[in-house]
Amino acid sequence: DGEVPLAAGRLRVGARMVERFSCSLPKEDPRHLELLGLVLDSLLLAWLQALPTAAAGFEELGAAANLHSAAVVERVGFAELESPDLTSLGRGEPIRTHGARLPAAIVAYEHRLPPVGAGG
């Protein structure tokens, strides 16, 4: 069909990294960050499904975020790294800018759930 998705990202299980967040909508469009967030939700679900075979823990997942996508990864519990490994550029890899934090992710997703007993 040749349809192009509005937003995309990539999970590299072996590298333990989510990266290449992109959205075809202008950054000023209010749906831009929402779509990137949905992409990240899908990538995190894929990471959780891969954990049993990846021989890794949740917090070993990193993110390569730019100034714009940083807000998206931080909203779901990633923390900015104080000293990213810039040598990854020499290896042709993206810079890991954020690390997953399980307690923060749990809190972030709990706040997105409707209250218990809420109709709907």
Foldseek 3Di string as FASTA:
>chain_A
DPDDDQWEWDADLQQLEIEDTDGPDPLPPPCNLVVSLVNVVVNLVVNVVCCVVSVDDQQSHFYQDDPSCVVSVVLQAWDFDPDWDPCVVVVVDGIGGTTHDVVSNVVSVVVVDDDPPDDD
